[in-house]
Amino acid sequence: MAFEQLIPRPLTLSGIQMYAPAVSGVYGITNANEWIYIGQANNIRDGLLAHLRDNLATLTVRAPVGFVFEACVEPHRSARLDRLTREYSPTSSSGSATPADGVVQRKQYGT
């Protein structure tokens, strides 16, 4: 099942501050051609801001431009993250692992 929110918001400081809620949930980062990251956080806004502070670290090479999200309470976040990761096949998920290495490193922001 796809993200509840289908239209990406701008992955900028002002875009995150305007659109990303300060609630528990999952989020995806896209470059308009592919999903490059699916993650989870206790606070979606803080999780996305952490990516900006890290200069989007390993994601920068893929030129991220937008994000989507959905609120999801903590007990259900991991299952939702797994389902979205299987559906979208991002180049990275909750860490810096790529599908080619067969390992997904769990990284959770806002804990």
PDB file of N, CA and C in Angstrom:
ATOM      1  N   MET A   1       0.845  -1.181   0.000  1.00  0.00           N
ATOM      2  CA  MET A   1       0.000   0.000   0.000  1.00  0.00           C
ATOM      3  C   MET A   1       0.885   1.237   0.000  1.00  0.00           C
ATOM      4  N   ALA A   2       0.677   2.123  -0.927  1.00  0.00           N
ATOM      5  CA  ALA A   2       1.490   3.324  -1.111  1.00  0.00           C
ATOM      6  C   ALA A   2       1.370   4.300   0.062  1.00  0.00           C
ATOM      7  N   PHE A   3       2.279   5.274   0.081  1.00  0.00           N
ATOM      8  CA  PHE A   3       2.172   6.344   1.067  1.00  0.00           C
ATOM      9  C   PHE A   3       0.798   6.988   0.954  1.00  0.00           C
ATOM     10  N   GLU A   4       0.240   7.401   2.076  1.00  0.00           N
ATOM     11  CA  GLU A   4      -1.058   8.077   2.076  1.00  0.00           C
ATOM     12  C   GLU A   4      -0.978   9.395   1.310  1.00  0.00           C
ATOM     13  N   GLN A   5       0.121  10.100   1.446  1.00  0.00           N
ATOM     14  CA  GLN A   5       0.339  11.360   0.770  1.00  0.00           C
ATOM     15  C   GLN A   5       1.134  11.059  -0.496  1.00  0.00           C
ATOM     16  N   LEU A   6       0.597  11.358  -1.651  1.00  0.00           N
ATOM     17  CA  LEU A   6       1.249  10.979  -2.900  1.00  0.00           C
ATOM     18  C   LEU A   6       2.087  12.089  -3.535  1.00  0.00           C
ATOM     19  N   ILE A   7       1.782  13.335  -3.239  1.00  0.00           N
ATOM     20  CA  ILE A   7       2.486  14.455  -3.864  1.00  0.00           C
ATOM     21  C   ILE A   7       3.655  14.881  -2.986  1.00  0.00           C
ATOM     22  N   PRO A   8       4.886  14.746  -3.493  1.00  0.00           N
ATOM     23  CA  PRO A   8       6.057  15.140  -2.692  1.00  0.00           C
ATOM     24  C   PRO A   8       6.074  16.637  -2.387  1.00  0.00           C
ATOM     25  N   ARG A   9       6.536  16.943  -1.196  1.00  0.00           N
ATOM     26  CA  ARG A   9       6.762  18.322  -0.758  1.00  0.00           C
ATOM     27  C   ARG A   9       8.240  18.627  -0.974  1.00  0.00           C
ATOM     28  N   PRO A  10       8.598  19.916  -1.097  1.00  0.00           N
ATOM     29  CA  PRO A  10      10.012  20.252  -1.337  1.00  0.00           C
ATOM     30  C   PRO A  10      10.908  19.890  -0.155  1.00  0.00           C
ATOM     31  N   LEU A  11      12.009  19.237  -0.450  1.00  0.00           N
ATOM     32  CA  LEU A  11      12.966  18.838   0.580  1.00  0.00           C
ATOM     33  C   LEU A  11      13.935  19.996   0.816  1.00  0.00           C
ATOM     34  N   THR A  12      13.394  21.021   1.444  1.00  0.00           N
ATOM     35  CA  THR A  12      14.144  22.221   1.805  1.00  0.00           C
ATOM     36  C   THR A  12      13.802  22.551   3.247  1.00  0.00           C
ATOM     37  N   LEU A  13      14.577  23.422   3.854  1.00  0.00           N
ATOM     38  CA  LEU A  13      14.290  23.821   5.229  1.00  0.00           C
ATOM     39  C   LEU A  13      12.867  24.363   5.343  1.00  0.00           C
ATOM     40  N   SER A  14      12.498  25.286   4.460  1.00  0.00           N
ATOM     41  CA  SER A  14      11.149  25.858   4.541  1.00  0.00           C
ATOM     42  C   SER A  14      10.075  24.829   4.216  1.00  0.00           C
ATOM     43  N   GLY A  15      10.329  23.924   3.272  1.00  0.00           N
ATOM     44  CA  GLY A  15       9.363  22.888   2.936  1.00  0.00           C
ATOM     45  C   GLY A  15       9.117  21.944   4.102  1.00  0.00           C
ATOM     46  N   ILE A  16      10.192  21.562   4.775  1.00  0.00           N
ATOM     47  CA  ILE A  16      10.063  20.671   5.927  1.00  0.00           C
ATOM     48  C   ILE A  16       9.329  21.377   7.056  1.00  0.00           C
ATOM     49  N   GLN A  17       9.708  22.625   7.337  1.00  0.00           N
ATOM     50  CA  GLN A  17       9.057  23.364   8.414  1.00  0.00           C
ATOM     51  C   GLN A  17       7.576  23.583   8.133  1.00  0.00           C
ATOM     52  N   MET A  18       7.233  23.769   6.877  1.00  0.00           N
ATOM     53  CA  MET A  18       5.845  24.049   6.520  1.00  0.00           C
ATOM     54  C   MET A  18       4.977  22.787   6.484  1.00  0.00           C
ATOM     55  N   TYR A  19       5.503  21.697   5.955  1.00  0.00           N
ATOM     56  CA  TYR A  19       4.665  20.533   5.682  1.00  0.00           C
ATOM     57  C   TYR A  19       4.872  19.329   6.601  1.00  0.00           C
ATOM     58  N   ALA A  20       6.066  19.132   7.120  1.00  0.00           N
ATOM     59  CA  ALA A  20       6.329  17.926   7.913  1.00  0.00           C
ATOM     60  C   ALA A  20       5.836  18.106   9.351  1.00  0.00           C
ATOM     61  N   PRO A  21       4.992  17.216   9.817  1.00  0.00           N
ATOM     62  CA  PRO A  21       4.481  17.328  11.184  1.00  0.00           C
ATOM     63  C   PRO A  21       5.495  16.818  12.211  1.00  0.00           C
ATOM     64  N   ALA A  22       5.369  17.290  13.404  1.00  0.00           N
ATOM     65  CA  ALA A  22       6.226  16.866  14.515  1.00  0.00           C
ATOM     66  C   ALA A  22       5.553  15.696  15.236  1.00  0.00           C
ATOM     67  N   VAL A  23       5.303  14.621  14.479  1.00  0.00           N
ATOM     68  CA  VAL A  23       4.651  13.435  15.030  1.00  0.00           C
ATOM     69  C   VAL A  23       5.405  12.189  14.582  1.00  0.00           C
ATOM     70  N   SER A  24       5.145  11.091  15.231  1.00  0.00           N
ATOM     71  CA  SER A  24       5.732   9.805  14.888  1.00  0.00           C
ATOM     72  C   SER A  24       5.255   9.364  13.506  1.00  0.00           C
ATOM     73  N   GLY A  25       6.175   8.786  12.718  1.00  0.00           N
ATOM     74  CA  GLY A  25       5.740   8.295  11.418  1.00  0.00           C
ATOM     75  C   GLY A  25       6.856   7.806  10.529  1.00  0.00           C
ATOM     76  N   VAL A  26       6.502   7.594   9.273  1.00  0.00           N
ATOM     77  CA  VAL A  26       7.436   7.144   8.247  1.00  0.00           C
ATOM     78  C   VAL A  26       7.484   8.201   7.157  1.00  0.00           C
ATOM     79  N   TYR A  27       8.589   8.209   6.403  1.00  0.00           N
ATOM     80  CA  TYR A  27       8.717   9.196   5.332  1.00  0.00           C
ATOM     81  C   TYR A  27       9.580   8.641   4.211  1.00  0.00           C
ATOM     82  N   GLY A  28       9.394   9.202   3.037  1.00  0.00           N
ATOM     83  CA  GLY A  28      10.184   8.820   1.881  1.00  0.00           C
ATOM     84  C   GLY A  28      10.795  10.041   1.241  1.00  0.00           C
ATOM     85  N   ILE A  29      11.996   9.870   0.692  1.00  0.00           N
ATOM     86  CA  ILE A  29      12.695  10.954  -0.001  1.00  0.00           C
ATOM     87  C   ILE A  29      12.889  10.522  -1.447  1.00  0.00           C
ATOM     88  N   THR A  30      12.578  11.431  -2.375  1.00  0.00           N
ATOM     89  CA  THR A  30      12.637  11.129  -3.799  1.00  0.00           C
ATOM     90  C   THR A  30      13.443  12.180  -4.556  1.00  0.00           C
ATOM     91  N   ASN A  31      13.914  11.792  -5.726  1.00  0.00           N
ATOM     92  CA  ASN A  31      14.577  12.761  -6.606  1.00  0.00           C
ATOM     93  C   ASN A  31      13.730  12.985  -7.850  1.00  0.00           C
ATOM     94  N   ALA A  32      12.478  12.638  -7.806  1.00  0.00           N
ATOM     95  CA  ALA A  32      11.492  12.763  -8.878  1.00  0.00           C
ATOM     96  C   ALA A  32      11.615  11.648  -9.918  1.00  0.00           C
ATOM     97  N   ASN A  33      12.676  10.866  -9.868  1.00  0.00           N
ATOM     98  CA  ASN A  33      12.830   9.732 -10.769  1.00  0.00           C
ATOM     99  C   ASN A  33      12.779   8.405 -10.040  1.00  0.00           C
ATOM    100  N   GLU A  34      13.161   8.417  -8.770  1.00  0.00           N
ATOM    101  CA  GLU A  34      13.217   7.183  -7.985  1.00  0.00           C
ATOM    102  C   GLU A  34      13.086   7.517  -6.506  1.00  0.00           C
ATOM    103  N   TRP A  35      12.691   6.523  -5.736  1.00  0.00           N
ATOM    104  CA  TRP A  35      12.678   6.659  -4.286  1.00  0.00           C
ATOM    105  C   TRP A  35      14.079   6.345  -3.812  1.00  0.00           C
ATOM    106  N   ILE A  36      14.671   7.281  -3.079  1.00  0.00           N
ATOM    107  CA  ILE A  36      16.053   7.071  -2.667  1.00  0.00           C
ATOM    108  C   ILE A  36      16.197   6.782  -1.180  1.00  0.00           C
ATOM    109  N   TYR A  37      15.143   6.985  -0.419  1.00  0.00           N
ATOM    110  CA  TYR A  37      15.235   6.715   1.020  1.00  0.00           C
ATOM    111  C   TYR A  37      13.842   6.544   1.601  1.00  0.00           C
ATOM    112  N   ILE A  38      13.687   5.546   2.452  1.00  0.00           N
ATOM    113  CA  ILE A  38      12.468   5.353   3.240  1.00  0.00           C
ATOM    114  C   ILE A  38      12.938   5.262   4.684  1.00  0.00           C
ATOM    115  N   GLY A  39      12.377   6.095   5.555  1.00  0.00           N
ATOM    116  CA  GLY A  39      12.822   6.103   6.942  1.00  0.00           C
ATOM    117  C   GLY A  39      11.674   6.245   7.921  1.00  0.00           C
ATOM    118  N   GLN A  40      12.020   6.251   9.188  1.00  0.00           N
ATOM    119  CA  GLN A  40      11.040   6.403  10.253  1.00  0.00           C
ATOM    120  C   GLN A  40      11.627   7.295  11.333  1.00  0.00           C
ATOM    121  N   ALA A  41      10.755   7.916  12.105  1.00  0.00           N
ATOM    122  CA  ALA A  41      11.222   8.797  13.175  1.00  0.00           C
ATOM    123  C   ALA A  41      10.125   8.975  14.216  1.00  0.00           C
ATOM    124  N   ASN A  42      10.537   9.247  15.441  1.00  0.00           N
ATOM    125  CA  ASN A  42       9.571   9.611  16.476  1.00  0.00           C
ATOM    126  C   ASN A  42       8.948  10.959  16.143  1.00  0.00           C
ATOM    127  N   ASN A  43       9.683  11.777  15.383  1.00  0.00           N
ATOM    128  CA  ASN A  43       9.241  13.105  14.974  1.00  0.00           C
ATOM    129  C   ASN A  43       9.650  13.263  13.504  1.00  0.00           C
ATOM    130  N   ILE A  44       8.683  13.206  12.602  1.00  0.00           N
ATOM    131  CA  ILE A  44       8.972  13.266  11.168  1.00  0.00           C
ATOM    132  C   ILE A  44       9.763  14.517  10.818  1.00  0.00           C
ATOM    133  N   ARG A  45       9.344  15.654  11.323  1.00  0.00           N
ATOM    134  CA  ARG A  45      10.038  16.914  11.016  1.00  0.00           C
ATOM    135  C   ARG A  45      11.503  16.838  11.439  1.00  0.00           C
ATOM    136  N   ASP A  46      11.760  16.376  12.663  1.00  0.00           N
ATOM    137  CA  ASP A  46      13.142  16.271  13.139  1.00  0.00           C
ATOM    138  C   ASP A  46      13.951  15.280  12.306  1.00  0.00           C
ATOM    139  N   GLY A  47      13.329  14.179  11.905  1.00  0.00           N
ATOM    140  CA  GLY A  47      14.024  13.195  11.077  1.00  0.00           C
ATOM    141  C   GLY A  47      14.460  13.791   9.751  1.00  0.00           C
ATOM    142  N   LEU A  48      13.570  14.520   9.095  1.00  0.00           N
ATOM    143  CA  LEU A  48      13.909  15.152   7.823  1.00  0.00           C
ATOM    144  C   LEU A  48      14.949  16.259   8.010  1.00  0.00           C
ATOM    145  N   LEU A  49      14.814  17.034   9.081  1.00  0.00           N
ATOM    146  CA  LEU A  49      15.803  18.085   9.354  1.00  0.00           C
ATOM    147  C   LEU A  49      17.181  17.485   9.619  1.00  0.00           C
ATOM    148  N   ALA A  50      17.219  16.310  10.242  1.00  0.00           N
ATOM    149  CA  ALA A  50      18.503  15.641  10.476  1.00  0.00           C
ATOM    150  C   ALA A  50      19.177  15.310   9.148  1.00  0.00           C
ATOM    151  N   HIS A  51      18.389  14.924   8.146  1.00  0.00           N
ATOM    152  CA  HIS A  51      18.961  14.665   6.815  1.00  0.00           C
ATOM    153  C   HIS A  51      19.560  15.939   6.244  1.00  0.00           C
ATOM    154  N   LEU A  52      18.877  17.056   6.410  1.00  0.00           N
ATOM    155  CA  LEU A  52      19.418  18.326   5.905  1.00  0.00           C
ATOM    156  C   LEU A  52      20.697  18.718   6.641  1.00  0.00           C
ATOM    157  N   ARG A  53      20.715  18.541   7.960  1.00  0.00           N
ATOM    158  CA  ARG A  53      21.919  18.871   8.736  1.00  0.00           C
ATOM    159  C   ARG A  53      23.105  18.024   8.304  1.00  0.00           C
ATOM    160  N   ASP A  54      22.821  16.794   7.925  1.00  0.00           N
ATOM    161  CA  ASP A  54      23.875  15.888   7.450  1.00  0.00           C
ATOM    162  C   ASP A  54      24.166  16.129   5.973  1.00  0.00           C
ATOM    163  N   ASN A  55      23.583  17.219   5.428  1.00  0.00           N
ATOM    164  CA  ASN A  55      23.691  17.503   3.996  1.00  0.00           C
ATOM    165  C   ASN A  55      23.213  16.311   3.181  1.00  0.00           C
ATOM    166  N   LEU A  56      22.239  15.616   3.727  1.00  0.00           N
ATOM    167  CA  LEU A  56      21.654  14.436   3.109  1.00  0.00           C
ATOM    168  C   LEU A  56      22.694  13.351   2.874  1.00  0.00           C
ATOM    169  N   ALA A  57      23.847  13.490   3.517  1.00  0.00           N
ATOM    170  CA  ALA A  57      24.931  12.494   3.518  1.00  0.00           C
ATOM    171  C   ALA A  57      25.007  11.679   2.234  1.00  0.00           C
ATOM    172  N   THR A  58      24.749  10.398   2.326  1.00  0.00           N
ATOM    173  CA  THR A  58      24.878   9.513   1.173  1.00  0.00           C
ATOM    174  C   THR A  58      23.776   9.740   0.140  1.00  0.00           C
ATOM    175  N   LEU A  59      22.732  10.484   0.499  1.00  0.00           N
ATOM    176  CA  LEU A  59      21.638  10.711  -0.440  1.00  0.00           C
ATOM    177  C   LEU A  59      21.963  11.803  -1.457  1.00  0.00           C
ATOM    178  N   THR A  60      22.912  12.676  -1.140  1.00  0.00           N
ATOM    179  CA  THR A  60      23.228  13.821  -1.991  1.00  0.00           C
ATOM    180  C   THR A  60      23.562  13.411  -3.415  1.00  0.00           C
ATOM    181  N   VAL A  61      24.265  12.323  -3.578  1.00  0.00           N
ATOM    182  CA  VAL A  61      24.662  11.874  -4.902  1.00  0.00           C
ATOM    183  C   VAL A  61      23.454  11.590  -5.798  1.00  0.00           C
ATOM    184  N   ARG A  62      22.313  11.303  -5.213  1.00  0.00           N
ATOM    185  CA  ARG A  62      21.092  11.017  -5.973  1.00  0.00           C
ATOM    186  C   ARG A  62      20.201  12.245  -6.145  1.00  0.00           C
ATOM    187  N   ALA A  63      20.658  13.411  -5.726  1.00  0.00           N
ATOM    188  CA  ALA A  63      19.955  14.688  -5.914  1.00  0.00           C
ATOM    189  C   ALA A  63      18.507  14.683  -5.404  1.00  0.00           C
ATOM    190  N   PRO A  64      18.302  14.481  -4.097  1.00  0.00           N
ATOM    191  CA  PRO A  64      16.940  14.471  -3.548  1.00  0.00           C
ATOM    192  C   PRO A  64      16.268  15.838  -3.678  1.00  0.00           C
ATOM    193  N   VAL A  65      14.973  15.827  -3.980  1.00  0.00           N
ATOM    194  CA  VAL A  65      14.235  17.077  -4.140  1.00  0.00           C
ATOM    195  C   VAL A  65      12.923  17.122  -3.372  1.00  0.00           C
ATOM    196  N   GLY A  66      12.394  15.971  -2.957  1.00  0.00           N
ATOM    197  CA  GLY A  66      11.094  15.987  -2.311  1.00  0.00           C
ATOM    198  C   GLY A  66      10.926  14.895  -1.276  1.00  0.00           C
ATOM    199  N   PHE A  67       9.884  15.038  -0.466  1.00  0.00           N
ATOM    200  CA  PHE A  67       9.577  14.041   0.552  1.00  0.00           C
ATOM    201  C   PHE A  67       8.074  13.865   0.677  1.00  0.00           C
ATOM    202  N   VAL A  68       7.693  12.687   1.111  1.00  0.00           N
ATOM    203  CA  VAL A  68       6.319  12.380   1.493  1.00  0.00           C
ATOM    204  C   VAL A  68       6.381  11.759   2.885  1.00  0.00           C
ATOM    205  N   PHE A  69       5.253  11.683   3.537  1.00  0.00           N
ATOM    206  CA  PHE A  69       5.245  11.140   4.896  1.00  0.00           C
ATOM    207  C   PHE A  69       3.860  10.648   5.239  1.00  0.00           C
ATOM    208  N   GLU A  70       3.793   9.919   6.324  1.00  0.00           N
ATOM    209  CA  GLU A  70       2.508   9.611   6.935  1.00  0.00           C
ATOM    210  C   GLU A  70       2.727   9.374   8.424  1.00  0.00           C
ATOM    211  N   ALA A  71       1.793   9.856   9.201  1.00  0.00           N
ATOM    212  CA  ALA A  71       1.842   9.648  10.638  1.00  0.00           C
ATOM    213  C   ALA A  71       1.587   8.174  10.922  1.00  0.00           C
ATOM    214  N   CYS A  72       2.316   7.662  11.893  1.00  0.00           N
ATOM    215  CA  CYS A  72       2.183   6.248  12.245  1.00  0.00           C
ATOM    216  C   CYS A  72       2.726   6.083  13.666  1.00  0.00           C
ATOM    217  N   VAL A  73       1.922   5.529  14.545  1.00  0.00           N
ATOM    218  CA  VAL A  73       2.357   5.366  15.925  1.00  0.00           C
ATOM    219  C   VAL A  73       3.486   4.353  16.022  1.00  0.00           C
ATOM    220  N   GLU A  74       4.325   4.517  17.006  1.00  0.00           N
ATOM    221  CA  GLU A  74       5.550   3.728  17.157  1.00  0.00           C
ATOM    222  C   GLU A  74       5.348   2.218  17.067  1.00  0.00           C
ATOM    223  N   PRO A  75       4.364   1.637  17.701  1.00  0.00           N
ATOM    224  CA  PRO A  75       4.263   0.175  17.617  1.00  0.00           C
ATOM    225  C   PRO A  75       4.066  -0.351  16.184  1.00  0.00           C
ATOM    226  N   HIS A  76       3.592   0.492  15.258  1.00  0.00           N
ATOM    227  CA  HIS A  76       3.305   0.056  13.893  1.00  0.00           C
ATOM    228  C   HIS A  76       4.306   0.576  12.863  1.00  0.00           C
ATOM    229  N   ARG A  77       5.213   1.449  13.291  1.00  0.00           N
ATOM    230  CA  ARG A  77       6.137   2.086  12.343  1.00  0.00           C
ATOM    231  C   ARG A  77       7.038   1.098  11.622  1.00  0.00           C
ATOM    232  N   SER A  78       7.642   0.174  12.336  1.00  0.00           N
ATOM    233  CA  SER A  78       8.575  -0.760  11.706  1.00  0.00           C
ATOM    234  C   SER A  78       7.887  -1.612  10.642  1.00  0.00           C
ATOM    235  N   ALA A  79       6.690  -2.087  10.934  1.00  0.00           N
ATOM    236  CA  ALA A  79       5.958  -2.888   9.953  1.00  0.00           C
ATOM    237  C   ALA A  79       5.605  -2.043   8.733  1.00  0.00           C
ATOM    238  N   ARG A  80       5.206  -0.811   8.975  1.00  0.00           N
ATOM    239  CA  ARG A  80       4.867   0.089   7.856  1.00  0.00           C
ATOM    240  C   ARG A  80       6.115   0.405   7.040  1.00  0.00           C
ATOM    241  N   LEU A  81       7.227   0.647   7.713  1.00  0.00           N
ATOM    242  CA  LEU A  81       8.497   0.908   7.031  1.00  0.00           C
ATOM    243  C   LEU A  81       8.868  -0.280   6.146  1.00  0.00           C
ATOM    244  N   ASP A  82       8.758  -1.491   6.670  1.00  0.00           N
ATOM    245  CA  ASP A  82       9.089  -2.691   5.897  1.00  0.00           C
ATOM    246  C   ASP A  82       8.198  -2.817   4.657  1.00  0.00           C
ATOM    247  N   ARG A  83       6.919  -2.558   4.829  1.00  0.00           N
ATOM    248  CA  ARG A  83       5.990  -2.670   3.697  1.00  0.00           C
ATOM    249  C   ARG A  83       6.292  -1.635   2.619  1.00  0.00           C
ATOM    250  N   LEU A  84       6.543  -0.390   3.031  1.00  0.00           N
ATOM    251  CA  LEU A  84       6.870   0.663   2.061  1.00  0.00           C
ATOM    252  C   LEU A  84       8.196   0.380   1.362  1.00  0.00           C
ATOM    253  N   THR A  85       9.162  -0.149   2.106  1.00  0.00           N
ATOM    254  CA  THR A  85      10.466  -0.475   1.531  1.00  0.00           C
ATOM    255  C   THR A  85      10.315  -1.560   0.463  1.00  0.00           C
ATOM    256  N   ARG A  86       9.509  -2.566   0.735  1.00  0.00           N
ATOM    257  CA  ARG A  86       9.276  -3.617  -0.263  1.00  0.00           C
ATOM    258  C   ARG A  86       8.564  -3.057  -1.496  1.00  0.00           C
ATOM    259  N   GLU A  87       7.591  -2.174  -1.271  1.00  0.00           N
ATOM    260  CA  GLU A  87       6.807  -1.627  -2.378  1.00  0.00           C
ATOM    261  C   GLU A  87       7.611  -0.670  -3.256  1.00  0.00           C
ATOM    262  N   TYR A  88       8.370   0.222  -2.640  1.00  0.00           N
ATOM    263  CA  TYR A  88       9.071   1.262  -3.394  1.00  0.00           C
ATOM    264  C   TYR A  88      10.501   0.891  -3.789  1.00  0.00           C
ATOM    265  N   SER A  89      11.098  -0.082  -3.133  1.00  0.00           N
ATOM    266  CA  SER A  89      12.485  -0.481  -3.413  1.00  0.00           C
ATOM    267  C   SER A  89      13.430   0.718  -3.505  1.00  0.00           C
ATOM    268  N   PRO A  90      13.545   1.495  -2.425  1.00  0.00           N
ATOM    269  CA  PRO A  90      14.424   2.666  -2.463  1.00  0.00           C
ATOM    270  C   PRO A  90      15.891   2.254  -2.542  1.00  0.00           C
ATOM    271  N   THR A  91      16.733   3.190  -2.953  1.00  0.00           N
ATOM    272  CA  THR A  91      18.157   2.894  -3.011  1.00  0.00           C
ATOM    273  C   THR A  91      18.742   2.793  -1.615  1.00  0.00           C
ATOM    274  N   SER A  92      18.032   3.326  -0.596  1.00  0.00           N
ATOM    275  CA  SER A  92      18.464   3.243   0.787  1.00  0.00           C
ATOM    276  C   SER A  92      17.233   3.233   1.680  1.00  0.00           C
ATOM    277  N   SER A  93      17.346   2.597   2.840  1.00  0.00           N
ATOM    278  CA  SER A  93      16.217   2.531   3.753  1.00  0.00           C
ATOM    279  C   SER A  93      16.694   2.530   5.190  1.00  0.00           C
ATOM    280  N   SER A  94      16.275   3.528   5.945  1.00  0.00           N
ATOM    281  CA  SER A  94      16.599   3.629   7.368  1.00  0.00           C
ATOM    282  C   SER A  94      18.075   3.417   7.646  1.00  0.00           C
ATOM    283  N   GLY A  95      18.910   3.950   6.850  1.00  0.00           N
ATOM    284  CA  GLY A  95      20.349   3.832   7.004  1.00  0.00           C
ATOM    285  C   GLY A  95      21.023   4.066   5.680  1.00  0.00           C
ATOM    286  N   SER A  96      22.220   3.570   5.525  1.00  0.00           N
ATOM    287  CA  SER A  96      22.945   3.824   4.290  1.00  0.00           C
ATOM    288  C   SER A  96      23.126   2.584   3.429  1.00  0.00           C
ATOM    289  N   ALA A  97      22.460   1.503   3.770  1.00  0.00           N
ATOM    290  CA  ALA A  97      22.605   0.281   2.990  1.00  0.00           C
ATOM    291  C   ALA A  97      21.889   0.413   1.653  1.00  0.00           C
ATOM    292  N   THR A  98      22.369  -0.256   0.659  1.00  0.00           N
ATOM    293  CA  THR A  98      21.718  -0.279  -0.641  1.00  0.00           C
ATOM    294  C   THR A  98      21.155  -1.666  -0.873  1.00  0.00           C
ATOM    295  N   PRO A  99      20.165  -1.804  -1.746  1.00  0.00           N
ATOM    296  CA  PRO A  99      19.586  -3.115  -1.985  1.00  0.00           C
ATOM    297  C   PRO A  99      20.612  -4.139  -2.450  1.00  0.00           C
ATOM    298  N   ALA A 100      21.642  -3.704  -3.145  1.00  0.00           N
ATOM    299  CA  ALA A 100      22.640  -4.633  -3.676  1.00  0.00           C
ATOM    300  C   ALA A 100      23.380  -5.388  -2.572  1.00  0.00           C
ATOM    301  N   ASP A 101      23.549  -4.771  -1.406  1.00  0.00           N
ATOM    302  CA  ASP A 101      24.295  -5.457  -0.356  1.00  0.00           C
ATOM    303  C   ASP A 101      23.403  -6.357   0.495  1.00  0.00           C
ATOM    304  N   GLY A 102      22.093  -6.272   0.270  1.00  0.00           N
ATOM    305  CA  GLY A 102      21.172  -7.163   0.955  1.00  0.00           C
ATOM    306  C   GLY A 102      20.976  -6.871   2.429  1.00  0.00           C
ATOM    307  N   VAL A 103      21.488  -5.743   2.908  1.00  0.00           N
ATOM    308  CA  VAL A 103      21.393  -5.414   4.329  1.00  0.00           C
ATOM    309  C   VAL A 103      20.701  -4.068   4.478  1.00  0.00           C
ATOM    310  N   VAL A 104      19.744  -4.003   5.344  1.00  0.00           N
ATOM    311  CA  VAL A 104      19.099  -2.736   5.663  1.00  0.00           C
ATOM    312  C   VAL A 104      19.478  -2.385   7.085  1.00  0.00           C
ATOM    313  N   GLN A 105      20.185  -1.289   7.257  1.00  0.00           N
ATOM    314  CA  GLN A 105      20.579  -0.854   8.595  1.00  0.00           C
ATOM    315  C   GLN A 105      19.462   0.010   9.164  1.00  0.00           C
ATOM    316  N   ARG A 106      19.036  -0.300  10.359  1.00  0.00           N
ATOM    317  CA  ARG A 106      17.988   0.478  10.997  1.00  0.00           C
ATOM    318  C   ARG A 106      18.575   1.740  11.599  1.00  0.00           C
ATOM    319  N   LYS A 107      18.052   2.870  11.196  1.00  0.00           N
ATOM    320  CA  LYS A 107      18.457   4.140  11.771  1.00  0.00           C
ATOM    321  C   LYS A 107      17.182   4.909  12.024  1.00  0.00           C
ATOM    322  N   GLN A 108      16.965   5.271  13.246  1.00  0.00           N
ATOM    323  CA  GLN A 108      15.734   5.924  13.627  1.00  0.00           C
ATOM    324  C   GLN A 108      16.060   7.275  14.224  1.00  0.00           C
ATOM    325  N   TYR A 109      15.476   8.312  13.653  1.00  0.00           N
ATOM    326  CA  TYR A 109      15.734   9.655  14.168  1.00  0.00           C
ATOM    327  C   TYR A 109      14.742  10.001  15.261  1.00  0.00           C
ATOM    328  N   GLY A 110      15.162  10.868  16.139  1.00  0.00           N
ATOM    329  CA  GLY A 110      14.281  11.393  17.160  1.00  0.00           C
ATOM    330  C   GLY A 110      14.052  10.469  18.329  1.00  0.00           C
ATOM    331  N   THR A 111      14.976   9.568  18.584  1.00  0.00           N
ATOM    332  CA  THR A 111      14.795   8.670  19.735  1.00  0.00           C
ATOM    333  C   THR A 111      15.508   9.206  20.939  1.00  0.00           C
TER     334      THR A 111
END
